[in-house]
Amino acid sequence: MTTLQRLNRLKALRIQRINIERGFKSAFFIVIGVFSAGFGLKGFLLPNQFLDGGVMGISLLVNVLTGFDLSYLVVIINLPFIVIGYMQITHRFAFRTLVAILGLALVLAFVEYPVITSDKLLIAFFGGFFLGLGIGLSIRGGSVLDGTEVLAIYTSRKTTLTVGDIILVLNIIIFSVAAYLINIEIALYAILTYLVASKTVDFVVHGIEEYTSVTIISKKSDEIKEAIIERMGRGVTVLKGIGGYGKTGHKTYEYEVIYTVITRLELQKLKTEIAKIDEDAFVVENSVNDIKGGMIKKRPLHD
């Protein structure tokens, strides 16, 4: 076996190992997510005829109005969105979503959960929490338990509306129908349940830390770069830039652009360090959902 063949074999084995590890990790997240969502539904929402937003909210609404088994409704109502996911996202995503939704249907049909409380506020809060936890974990596993986002992504590609706009409109319709056909109190508790679930999903998917990428343009870039590295213990990327039209009119000149990623809690410290060096520095901030590698997740230096 030649050296090149050995390297190719090692590369193939590494790729296979990564695929197996990620497959097990995805399956773990989906299984835990399914049982968590089942607990939120059968332990809190279903026994008290509470609702949620999104496709799950539609399923719960139909269940409350008709008494049709929720385990069937979850599959039937999500099927069109699985098809959309198959066509618009990836085949693997659609397959995982189908497995996750079928798993949730089986849990709803056969797994018994204790009814935890009859307090309406606790039902709305903890029902939304465990349902959101389940949806968030399933997303971490590469699938969804609620087809709302799939529909929103598909529709946003066909119209000028954003994903957030579409989800908001869909939920307004669901809550309005609930208020009209059931009562306003149930609709209001459904809004609370949805808000708790959506925030829990964000927490599970994006994590507790919020990151901000910062781009800095300054004539004193060397000093700012040193301050970020030495005083804050963060890494930087230096980009070469060419200036254009500014305060003094059109003038072409080269400069260094500093790019760094920090946590939200470090943002004010960074601004202070920049202001100490150059109060006229041009600073651009952007939210970052998650990162991998680099120095961002290492312990920063003390003040």
C-alpha atoms as a PDB file:
ATOM      1  CA  MET A   1       0.000   0.000   0.000  1.00  0.00           C
ATOM      2  CA  THR A   2       1.449   3.348  -1.041  1.00  0.00           C
ATOM      3  CA  THR A   3       1.586   6.399   1.210  1.00  0.00           C
ATOM      4  CA  LEU A   4      -1.180   8.101  -0.795  1.00  0.00           C
ATOM      5  CA  GLN A   5      -3.439   5.051  -0.504  1.00  0.00           C
ATOM      6  CA  ARG A   6      -2.776   4.900   3.244  1.00  0.00           C
ATOM      7  CA  LEU A   7      -3.659   8.566   3.637  1.00  0.00           C
ATOM      8  CA  ASN A   8      -6.847   8.127   1.600  1.00  0.00           C
ATOM      9  CA  ARG A   9      -7.810   5.121   3.711  1.00  0.00           C
ATOM     10  CA  LEU A  10      -7.218   7.053   6.940  1.00  0.00           C
ATOM     11  CA  LYS A  11      -9.270   9.944   5.578  1.00  0.00           C
ATOM     12  CA  ALA A  12     -12.130   7.607   4.653  1.00  0.00           C
ATOM     13  CA  LEU A  13     -12.033   6.003   8.120  1.00  0.00           C
ATOM     14  CA  ARG A  14     -12.077   9.429   9.781  1.00  0.00           C
ATOM     15  CA  ILE A  15     -15.064  10.529   7.697  1.00  0.00           C
ATOM     16  CA  GLN A  16     -16.865   7.263   8.522  1.00  0.00           C
ATOM     17  CA  ARG A  17     -16.151   7.738  12.237  1.00  0.00           C
ATOM     18  CA  ILE A  18     -17.479  11.315  12.155  1.00  0.00           C
ATOM     19  CA  ASN A  19     -20.636  10.192  10.328  1.00  0.00           C
ATOM     20  CA  ILE A  20     -21.274   7.417  12.871  1.00  0.00           C
ATOM     21  CA  GLU A  21     -20.664   9.724  15.848  1.00  0.00           C
ATOM     22  CA  ARG A  22     -22.962  12.408  14.445  1.00  0.00           C
ATOM     23  CA  GLY A  23     -25.579   9.804  13.595  1.00  0.00           C
ATOM     24  CA  PHE A  24     -25.652   8.546  17.192  1.00  0.00           C
ATOM     25  CA  LYS A  25     -25.682  12.133  18.491  1.00  0.00           C
ATOM     26  CA  SER A  26     -28.602  13.065  16.218  1.00  0.00           C
ATOM     27  CA  ALA A  27     -30.548   9.950  17.228  1.00  0.00           C
ATOM     28  CA  PHE A  28     -29.968  10.711  20.907  1.00  0.00           C
ATOM     29  CA  PHE A  29     -31.236  14.290  20.566  1.00  0.00           C
ATOM     30  CA  ILE A  30     -34.302  13.196  18.599  1.00  0.00           C
ATOM     31  CA  VAL A  31     -35.255  10.432  21.078  1.00  0.00           C
ATOM     32  CA  ILE A  32     -34.887  12.706  24.119  1.00  0.00           C
ATOM     33  CA  GLY A  33     -36.747  15.447  22.230  1.00  0.00           C
ATOM     34  CA  VAL A  34     -39.660  13.155  21.404  1.00  0.00           C
ATOM     35  CA  PHE A  35     -40.098  12.049  25.032  1.00  0.00           C
ATOM     36  CA  SER A  36     -39.775  15.624  26.297  1.00  0.00           C
ATOM     37  CA  ALA A  37     -42.417  16.883  23.863  1.00  0.00           C
ATOM     38  CA  GLY A  38     -44.653  13.953  24.812  1.00  0.00           C
ATOM     39  CA  PHE A  39     -44.298  14.892  28.484  1.00  0.00           C
ATOM     40  CA  GLY A  40     -45.201  18.509  27.776  1.00  0.00           C
ATOM     41  CA  LEU A  41     -48.280  17.435  25.819  1.00  0.00           C
ATOM     42  CA  LYS A  42     -49.638  14.562  27.932  1.00  0.00           C
ATOM     43  CA  GLY A  43     -48.433  15.798  31.318  1.00  0.00           C
ATOM     44  CA  PHE A  44     -49.652  19.388  30.935  1.00  0.00           C
ATOM     45  CA  LEU A  45     -51.424  20.549  27.771  1.00  0.00           C
ATOM     46  CA  LEU A  46     -53.662  17.697  26.600  1.00  0.00           C
ATOM     47  CA  PRO A  47     -55.442  16.850  29.897  1.00  0.00           C
ATOM     48  CA  ASN A  48     -56.366  20.513  30.309  1.00  0.00           C
ATOM     49  CA  GLN A  49     -57.233  21.238  26.637  1.00  0.00           C
ATOM     50  CA  PHE A  50     -54.478  23.830  26.321  1.00  0.00           C
ATOM     51  CA  LEU A  51     -53.085  24.965  22.970  1.00  0.00           C
ATOM     52  CA  ASP A  52     -49.788  26.039  21.449  1.00  0.00           C
ATOM     53  CA  GLY A  53     -48.758  27.824  18.265  1.00  0.00           C
ATOM     54  CA  GLY A  54     -47.563  26.451  14.931  1.00  0.00           C
ATOM     55  CA  VAL A  55     -48.511  23.119  13.411  1.00  0.00           C
ATOM     56  CA  MET A  56     -48.611  21.571  16.888  1.00  0.00           C
ATOM     57  CA  GLY A  57     -51.125  24.263  17.814  1.00  0.00           C
ATOM     58  CA  ILE A  58     -53.281  23.320  14.818  1.00  0.00           C
ATOM     59  CA  SER A  59     -53.164  19.667  15.899  1.00  0.00           C
ATOM     60  CA  LEU A  60     -54.130  20.556  19.471  1.00  0.00           C
ATOM     61  CA  LEU A  61     -56.931  22.855  18.246  1.00  0.00           C
ATOM     62  CA  VAL A  62     -58.422  20.140  16.035  1.00  0.00           C
ATOM     63  CA  ASN A  63     -58.113  17.679  18.937  1.00  0.00           C
ATOM     64  CA  VAL A  64     -59.960  20.025  21.311  1.00  0.00           C
ATOM     65  CA  LEU A  65     -62.738  20.758  18.775  1.00  0.00           C
ATOM     66  CA  THR A  66     -63.266  17.243  17.399  1.00  0.00           C
ATOM     67  CA  GLY A  67     -61.783  14.847  19.956  1.00  0.00           C
ATOM     68  CA  PHE A  68     -59.759  13.172  17.182  1.00  0.00           C
ATOM     69  CA  ASP A  69     -56.703  11.331  18.518  1.00  0.00           C
ATOM     70  CA  LEU A  70     -53.705  13.710  18.671  1.00  0.00           C
ATOM     71  CA  SER A  71     -51.239  10.938  17.771  1.00  0.00           C
ATOM     72  CA  TYR A  72     -52.890  10.653  14.333  1.00  0.00           C
ATOM     73  CA  LEU A  73     -53.308  14.409  13.931  1.00  0.00           C
ATOM     74  CA  VAL A  74     -49.612  15.079  14.540  1.00  0.00           C
ATOM     75  CA  VAL A  75     -48.673  12.784  11.653  1.00  0.00           C
ATOM     76  CA  ILE A  76     -51.453  13.773   9.246  1.00  0.00           C
ATOM     77  CA  ILE A  77     -51.066  17.537   9.617  1.00  0.00           C
ATOM     78  CA  ASN A  78     -47.254  17.392   9.441  1.00  0.00           C
ATOM     79  CA  LEU A  79     -47.145  15.155   6.330  1.00  0.00           C
ATOM     80  CA  PRO A  80     -47.401  18.036   3.803  1.00  0.00           C
ATOM     81  CA  PHE A  81     -44.526  19.820   5.544  1.00  0.00           C
ATOM     82  CA  ILE A  82     -42.389  16.670   5.451  1.00  0.00           C
ATOM     83  CA  VAL A  83     -42.961  16.566   1.687  1.00  0.00           C
ATOM     84  CA  ILE A  84     -41.973  20.241   1.421  1.00  0.00           C
ATOM     85  CA  GLY A  85     -38.860  19.515   3.468  1.00  0.00           C
ATOM     86  CA  TYR A  86     -38.034  16.623   1.136  1.00  0.00           C
ATOM     87  CA  MET A  87     -38.267  18.895  -1.914  1.00  0.00           C
ATOM     88  CA  GLN A  88     -36.841  22.117  -0.505  1.00  0.00           C
ATOM     89  CA  ILE A  89     -34.269  21.142   2.134  1.00  0.00           C
ATOM     90  CA  THR A  90     -32.710  17.649   2.038  1.00  0.00           C
ATOM     91  CA  HIS A  91     -33.882  14.056   1.810  1.00  0.00           C
ATOM     92  CA  ARG A  92     -32.067  13.209   5.040  1.00  0.00           C
ATOM     93  CA  PHE A  93     -33.816  16.044   6.861  1.00  0.00           C
ATOM     94  CA  ALA A  94     -37.211  14.834   5.631  1.00  0.00           C
ATOM     95  CA  PHE A  95     -36.463  11.250   6.690  1.00  0.00           C
ATOM     96  CA  ARG A  96     -35.331  12.289  10.165  1.00  0.00           C
ATOM     97  CA  THR A  97     -38.382  14.510  10.539  1.00  0.00           C
ATOM     98  CA  LEU A  98     -40.687  11.662   9.521  1.00  0.00           C
ATOM     99  CA  VAL A  99     -39.028   9.334  12.039  1.00  0.00           C
ATOM    100  CA  ALA A 100     -39.239  11.983  14.793  1.00  0.00           C
ATOM    101  CA  ILE A 101     -42.922  12.720  14.155  1.00  0.00           C
ATOM    102  CA  LEU A 102     -43.803   9.024  13.988  1.00  0.00           C
ATOM    103  CA  GLY A 103     -41.891   8.558  17.238  1.00  0.00           C
ATOM    104  CA  LEU A 104     -43.869  11.378  18.852  1.00  0.00           C
ATOM    105  CA  ALA A 105     -47.121   9.807  17.623  1.00  0.00           C
ATOM    106  CA  LEU A 106     -46.146   6.462  19.186  1.00  0.00           C
ATOM    107  CA  VAL A 107     -45.214   8.156  22.464  1.00  0.00           C
ATOM    108  CA  LEU A 108     -48.563   9.975  22.547  1.00  0.00           C
ATOM    109  CA  ALA A 109     -50.402   6.738  21.803  1.00  0.00           C
ATOM    110  CA  PHE A 110     -48.641   4.303  24.127  1.00  0.00           C
ATOM    111  CA  VAL A 111     -46.552   6.082  26.793  1.00  0.00           C
ATOM    112  CA  GLU A 112     -48.382   7.076  29.969  1.00  0.00           C
ATOM    113  CA  TYR A 113     -47.358  10.329  31.655  1.00  0.00           C
ATOM    114  CA  PRO A 114     -48.699  11.562  35.003  1.00  0.00           C
ATOM    115  CA  VAL A 115     -50.852  14.687  34.952  1.00  0.00           C
ATOM    116  CA  ILE A 116     -48.674  17.110  36.886  1.00  0.00           C
ATOM    117  CA  THR A 117     -50.936  20.037  37.798  1.00  0.00           C
ATOM    118  CA  SER A 118     -54.270  21.715  37.159  1.00  0.00           C
ATOM    119  CA  ASP A 119     -52.980  25.253  37.743  1.00  0.00           C
ATOM    120  CA  LYS A 120     -53.463  27.110  34.458  1.00  0.00           C
ATOM    121  CA  LEU A 121     -50.359  29.270  34.727  1.00  0.00           C
ATOM    122  CA  LEU A 122     -48.139  26.287  35.539  1.00  0.00           C
ATOM    123  CA  ILE A 123     -49.706  24.305  32.687  1.00  0.00           C
ATOM    124  CA  ALA A 124     -49.014  27.076  30.169  1.00  0.00           C
ATOM    125  CA  PHE A 125     -45.457  27.652  31.410  1.00  0.00           C
ATOM    126  CA  PHE A 126     -44.174  24.125  31.937  1.00  0.00           C
ATOM    127  CA  GLY A 127     -46.190  22.634  29.089  1.00  0.00           C
ATOM    128  CA  GLY A 128     -44.568  25.186  26.777  1.00  0.00           C
ATOM    129  CA  PHE A 129     -41.163  24.565  28.351  1.00  0.00           C
ATOM    130  CA  PHE A 130     -41.110  20.788  27.865  1.00  0.00           C
ATOM    131  CA  LEU A 131     -42.683  21.040  24.409  1.00  0.00           C
ATOM    132  CA  GLY A 132     -40.118  23.676  23.384  1.00  0.00           C
ATOM    133  CA  LEU A 133     -37.336  21.566  24.877  1.00  0.00           C
ATOM    134  CA  GLY A 134     -38.453  18.614  22.762  1.00  0.00           C
ATOM    135  CA  ILE A 135     -38.705  20.686  19.571  1.00  0.00           C
ATOM    136  CA  GLY A 136     -35.308  22.287  20.231  1.00  0.00           C
ATOM    137  CA  LEU A 137     -33.596  18.942  20.845  1.00  0.00           C
ATOM    138  CA  SER A 138     -35.115  17.512  17.670  1.00  0.00           C
ATOM    139  CA  ILE A 139     -33.731  20.491  15.742  1.00  0.00           C
ATOM    140  CA  ARG A 140     -30.295  19.788  17.262  1.00  0.00           C
ATOM    141  CA  GLY A 141     -30.746  16.262  15.931  1.00  0.00           C
ATOM    142  CA  GLY A 142     -31.423  17.499  12.394  1.00  0.00           C
ATOM    143  CA  SER A 143     -35.219  17.191  12.310  1.00  0.00           C
ATOM    144  CA  VAL A 144     -38.350  19.031  13.443  1.00  0.00           C
ATOM    145  CA  LEU A 145     -41.428  18.040  15.415  1.00  0.00           C
ATOM    146  CA  ASP A 146     -43.384  21.028  14.113  1.00  0.00           C
ATOM    147  CA  GLY A 147     -43.615  21.807  10.402  1.00  0.00           C
ATOM    148  CA  THR A 148     -44.153  25.555  10.867  1.00  0.00           C
ATOM    149  CA  GLU A 149     -40.577  26.548  10.076  1.00  0.00           C
ATOM    150  CA  VAL A 150     -40.491  24.293   7.007  1.00  0.00           C
ATOM    151  CA  LEU A 151     -43.615  26.021   5.696  1.00  0.00           C
ATOM    152  CA  ALA A 152     -42.177  29.442   6.550  1.00  0.00           C
ATOM    153  CA  ILE A 153     -38.901  28.750   4.725  1.00  0.00           C
ATOM    154  CA  TYR A 154     -40.767  27.465   1.658  1.00  0.00           C
ATOM    155  CA  THR A 155     -43.184  30.410   1.587  1.00  0.00           C
ATOM    156  CA  SER A 156     -40.456  33.010   2.133  1.00  0.00           C
ATOM    157  CA  ARG A 157     -38.773  31.784  -1.061  1.00  0.00           C
ATOM    158  CA  LYS A 158     -41.976  32.362  -3.018  1.00  0.00           C
ATOM    159  CA  THR A 159     -42.990  35.727  -1.512  1.00  0.00           C
ATOM    160  CA  THR A 160     -41.417  38.905  -0.120  1.00  0.00           C
ATOM    161  CA  LEU A 161     -42.319  37.908   3.453  1.00  0.00           C
ATOM    162  CA  THR A 162     -39.622  36.810   5.882  1.00  0.00           C
ATOM    163  CA  VAL A 163     -39.685  33.542   7.844  1.00  0.00           C
ATOM    164  CA  GLY A 164     -40.542  35.473  11.021  1.00  0.00           C
ATOM    165  CA  ASP A 165     -43.424  37.276   9.293  1.00  0.00           C
ATOM    166  CA  ILE A 166     -44.957  34.014   8.093  1.00  0.00           C
ATOM    167  CA  ILE A 167     -44.702  32.301  11.495  1.00  0.00           C
ATOM    168  CA  LEU A 168     -46.249  35.369  13.141  1.00  0.00           C
ATOM    169  CA  VAL A 169     -49.174  35.485  10.672  1.00  0.00           C
ATOM    170  CA  LEU A 170     -49.808  31.734  11.046  1.00  0.00           C
ATOM    171  CA  ASN A 171     -49.894  31.981  14.835  1.00  0.00           C
ATOM    172  CA  ILE A 172     -52.176  35.028  14.806  1.00  0.00           C
ATOM    173  CA  ILE A 173     -54.633  32.996  12.710  1.00  0.00           C
ATOM    174  CA  ILE A 174     -54.415  29.997  15.085  1.00  0.00           C
ATOM    175  CA  PHE A 175     -54.911  32.103  18.226  1.00  0.00           C
ATOM    176  CA  SER A 176     -57.773  34.073  16.632  1.00  0.00           C
ATOM    177  CA  VAL A 177     -59.579  30.864  15.659  1.00  0.00           C
ATOM    178  CA  ALA A 178     -59.052  29.511  19.184  1.00  0.00           C
ATOM    179  CA  ALA A 179     -60.460  32.705  20.701  1.00  0.00           C
ATOM    180  CA  TYR A 180     -63.514  32.555  18.416  1.00  0.00           C
ATOM    181  CA  LEU A 181     -64.291  28.826  18.606  1.00  0.00           C
ATOM    182  CA  ILE A 182     -63.299  28.113  22.214  1.00  0.00           C
ATOM    183  CA  ASN A 183     -62.781  31.229  24.350  1.00  0.00           C
ATOM    184  CA  ILE A 184     -60.423  34.164  24.718  1.00  0.00           C
ATOM    185  CA  GLU A 185     -58.877  32.837  27.947  1.00  0.00           C
ATOM    186  CA  ILE A 186     -57.681  29.636  26.238  1.00  0.00           C
ATOM    187  CA  ALA A 187     -56.267  31.728  23.389  1.00  0.00           C
ATOM    188  CA  LEU A 188     -54.354  33.946  25.829  1.00  0.00           C
ATOM    189  CA  TYR A 189     -52.911  30.942  27.644  1.00  0.00           C
ATOM    190  CA  ALA A 190     -52.003  29.498  24.230  1.00  0.00           C
ATOM    191  CA  ILE A 191     -50.006  32.654  23.460  1.00  0.00           C
ATOM    192  CA  LEU A 192     -48.172  32.264  26.775  1.00  0.00           C
ATOM    193  CA  THR A 193     -47.460  28.599  26.034  1.00  0.00           C
ATOM    194  CA  TYR A 194     -46.149  29.499  22.588  1.00  0.00           C
ATOM    195  CA  LEU A 195     -43.877  32.257  23.930  1.00  0.00           C
ATOM    196  CA  VAL A 196     -42.368  29.926  26.550  1.00  0.00           C
ATOM    197  CA  ALA A 197     -41.916  27.153  23.965  1.00  0.00           C
ATOM    198  CA  SER A 198     -40.297  29.458  21.389  1.00  0.00           C
ATOM    199  CA  LYS A 199     -37.849  30.918  23.925  1.00  0.00           C
ATOM    200  CA  THR A 200     -36.964  27.406  25.096  1.00  0.00           C
ATOM    201  CA  VAL A 201     -36.324  26.357  21.490  1.00  0.00           C
ATOM    202  CA  ASP A 202     -34.004  29.351  21.029  1.00  0.00           C
ATOM    203  CA  PHE A 203     -32.178  28.487  24.248  1.00  0.00           C
ATOM    204  CA  VAL A 204     -31.687  24.835  23.288  1.00  0.00           C
ATOM    205  CA  VAL A 205     -30.681  25.514  19.673  1.00  0.00           C
ATOM    206  CA  HIS A 206     -28.457  28.557  20.184  1.00  0.00           C
ATOM    207  CA  GLY A 207     -27.216  27.993  23.729  1.00  0.00           C
ATOM    208  CA  ILE A 208     -26.987  30.236  26.760  1.00  0.00           C
ATOM    209  CA  GLU A 209     -24.224  32.419  25.374  1.00  0.00           C
ATOM    210  CA  GLU A 210     -24.929  34.995  22.718  1.00  0.00           C
ATOM    211  CA  TYR A 211     -22.043  35.884  20.434  1.00  0.00           C
ATOM    212  CA  THR A 212     -21.368  39.098  18.587  1.00  0.00           C
ATOM    213  CA  SER A 213     -19.013  39.530  15.678  1.00  0.00           C
ATOM    214  CA  VAL A 214     -17.321  42.921  15.598  1.00  0.00           C
ATOM    215  CA  THR A 215     -15.642  44.566  12.618  1.00  0.00           C
ATOM    216  CA  ILE A 216     -13.335  47.484  13.462  1.00  0.00           C
ATOM    217  CA  ILE A 217     -11.861  49.985  11.021  1.00  0.00           C
ATOM    218  CA  SER A 218      -9.335  52.371  12.511  1.00  0.00           C
ATOM    219  CA  LYS A 219      -6.070  54.099  11.682  1.00  0.00           C
ATOM    220  CA  LYS A 220      -4.795  52.659  14.974  1.00  0.00           C
ATOM    221  CA  SER A 221      -5.622  49.070  14.128  1.00  0.00           C
ATOM    222  CA  ASP A 222      -2.325  47.727  15.485  1.00  0.00           C
ATOM    223  CA  GLU A 223      -3.030  49.120  18.963  1.00  0.00           C
ATOM    224  CA  ILE A 224      -6.621  47.877  18.939  1.00  0.00           C
ATOM    225  CA  LYS A 225      -5.504  44.437  17.786  1.00  0.00           C
ATOM    226  CA  GLU A 226      -2.960  44.272  20.624  1.00  0.00           C
ATOM    227  CA  ALA A 227      -5.596  45.359  23.166  1.00  0.00           C
ATOM    228  CA  ILE A 228      -8.020  42.620  22.070  1.00  0.00           C
ATOM    229  CA  ILE A 229      -5.329  39.945  22.227  1.00  0.00           C
ATOM    230  CA  GLU A 230      -3.451  41.065  25.347  1.00  0.00           C
ATOM    231  CA  ARG A 231      -6.157  42.639  27.519  1.00  0.00           C
ATOM    232  CA  MET A 232      -9.179  40.550  26.525  1.00  0.00           C
ATOM    233  CA  GLY A 233      -7.563  37.256  25.598  1.00  0.00           C
ATOM    234  CA  ARG A 234      -9.482  37.004  22.319  1.00  0.00           C
ATOM    235  CA  GLY A 235      -8.317  36.164  18.830  1.00  0.00           C
ATOM    236  CA  VAL A 236      -8.569  38.492  15.857  1.00  0.00           C
ATOM    237  CA  THR A 237      -8.546  38.164  12.102  1.00  0.00           C
ATOM    238  CA  VAL A 238      -6.893  40.967  10.145  1.00  0.00           C
ATOM    239  CA  LEU A 239      -8.287  41.721   6.710  1.00  0.00           C
ATOM    240  CA  LYS A 240      -6.808  44.011   4.089  1.00  0.00           C
ATOM    241  CA  GLY A 241      -9.158  46.797   3.053  1.00  0.00           C
ATOM    242  CA  ILE A 242      -9.208  49.726   0.648  1.00  0.00           C
ATOM    243  CA  GLY A 243     -10.884  52.966   1.676  1.00  0.00           C
ATOM    244  CA  GLY A 244     -13.354  54.774  -0.528  1.00  0.00           C
ATOM    245  CA  TYR A 245     -15.438  57.893  -0.071  1.00  0.00           C
ATOM    246  CA  GLY A 246     -15.228  59.359   3.438  1.00  0.00           C
ATOM    247  CA  LYS A 247     -15.476  62.627   5.356  1.00  0.00           C
ATOM    248  CA  THR A 248     -12.687  64.187   3.328  1.00  0.00           C
ATOM    249  CA  GLY A 249     -14.168  63.122  -0.001  1.00  0.00           C
ATOM    250  CA  HIS A 250     -13.000  60.426  -2.375  1.00  0.00           C
ATOM    251  CA  LYS A 251      -9.645  59.078  -1.269  1.00  0.00           C
ATOM    252  CA  THR A 252      -8.263  55.614  -1.935  1.00  0.00           C
ATOM    253  CA  TYR A 253      -6.005  54.175   0.730  1.00  0.00           C
ATOM    254  CA  GLU A 254      -5.213  50.792   2.233  1.00  0.00           C
ATOM    255  CA  TYR A 255      -5.867  49.864   5.836  1.00  0.00           C
ATOM    256  CA  GLU A 256      -6.289  46.857   8.116  1.00  0.00           C
ATOM    257  CA  VAL A 257      -9.779  45.692   9.109  1.00  0.00           C
ATOM    258  CA  ILE A 258      -9.974  43.851  12.437  1.00  0.00           C
ATOM    259  CA  TYR A 259     -12.581  41.112  12.843  1.00  0.00           C
ATOM    260  CA  THR A 260     -13.255  39.409  16.173  1.00  0.00           C
ATOM    261  CA  VAL A 261     -16.017  37.418  17.883  1.00  0.00           C
ATOM    262  CA  ILE A 262     -16.848  37.927  21.556  1.00  0.00           C
ATOM    263  CA  THR A 263     -19.652  37.090  23.960  1.00  0.00           C
ATOM    264  CA  ARG A 264     -22.415  39.597  24.600  1.00  0.00           C
ATOM    265  CA  LEU A 265     -21.095  40.201  28.125  1.00  0.00           C
ATOM    266  CA  GLU A 266     -17.704  41.282  26.775  1.00  0.00           C
ATOM    267  CA  LEU A 267     -19.096  43.767  24.257  1.00  0.00           C
ATOM    268  CA  GLN A 268     -18.983  46.824  26.512  1.00  0.00           C
ATOM    269  CA  LYS A 269     -15.422  46.040  27.594  1.00  0.00           C
ATOM    270  CA  LEU A 270     -14.376  45.854  23.945  1.00  0.00           C
ATOM    271  CA  LYS A 271     -16.031  49.201  23.193  1.00  0.00           C
ATOM    272  CA  THR A 272     -14.207  50.724  26.147  1.00  0.00           C
ATOM    273  CA  GLU A 273     -10.860  49.413  24.952  1.00  0.00           C
ATOM    274  CA  ILE A 274     -11.508  50.763  21.449  1.00  0.00           C
ATOM    275  CA  ALA A 275     -12.581  54.171  22.791  1.00  0.00           C
ATOM    276  CA  LYS A 276      -9.359  54.408  24.827  1.00  0.00           C
ATOM    277  CA  ILE A 277      -7.348  54.061  21.632  1.00  0.00           C
ATOM    278  CA  ASP A 278      -9.481  55.663  18.919  1.00  0.00           C
ATOM    279  CA  GLU A 279     -12.817  57.331  19.630  1.00  0.00           C
ATOM    280  CA  ASP A 280     -13.416  57.799  15.899  1.00  0.00           C
ATOM    281  CA  ALA A 281     -13.011  54.095  15.037  1.00  0.00           C
ATOM    282  CA  PHE A 282     -15.746  52.673  12.789  1.00  0.00           C
ATOM    283  CA  VAL A 283     -17.277  49.673  14.608  1.00  0.00           C
ATOM    284  CA  VAL A 284     -19.884  47.295  13.159  1.00  0.00           C
ATOM    285  CA  GLU A 285     -21.626  44.660  15.321  1.00  0.00           C
ATOM    286  CA  ASN A 286     -23.503  41.559  14.132  1.00  0.00           C
ATOM    287  CA  SER A 287     -25.278  38.821  16.086  1.00  0.00           C
ATOM    288  CA  VAL A 288     -23.846  35.310  15.759  1.00  0.00           C
ATOM    289  CA  ASN A 289     -25.942  32.226  16.548  1.00  0.00           C
ATOM    290  CA  ASP A 290     -23.137  29.775  17.266  1.00  0.00           C
ATOM    291  CA  ILE A 291     -19.465  29.241  16.620  1.00  0.00           C
ATOM    292  CA  LYS A 292     -16.939  26.423  16.540  1.00  0.00           C
ATOM    293  CA  GLY A 293     -13.221  26.492  17.206  1.00  0.00           C
ATOM    294  CA  GLY A 294     -11.018  29.526  17.733  1.00  0.00           C
ATOM    295  CA  MET A 295     -10.413  31.213  21.074  1.00  0.00           C
ATOM    296  CA  ILE A 296     -13.968  32.346  21.799  1.00  0.00           C
ATOM    297  CA  LYS A 297     -14.902  29.463  24.086  1.00  0.00           C
ATOM    298  CA  LYS A 298     -11.651  29.539  26.001  1.00  0.00           C
ATOM    299  CA  ARG A 299     -11.401  31.379  29.310  1.00  0.00           C
ATOM    300  CA  PRO A 300     -10.753  35.100  28.713  1.00  0.00           C
ATOM    301  CA  LEU A 301      -8.033  37.019  30.509  1.00  0.00           C
ATOM    302  CA  HIS A 302      -8.908  38.807  33.740  1.00  0.00           C
ATOM    303  CA  ASP A 303      -9.135  42.599  33.877  1.00  0.00           C
END
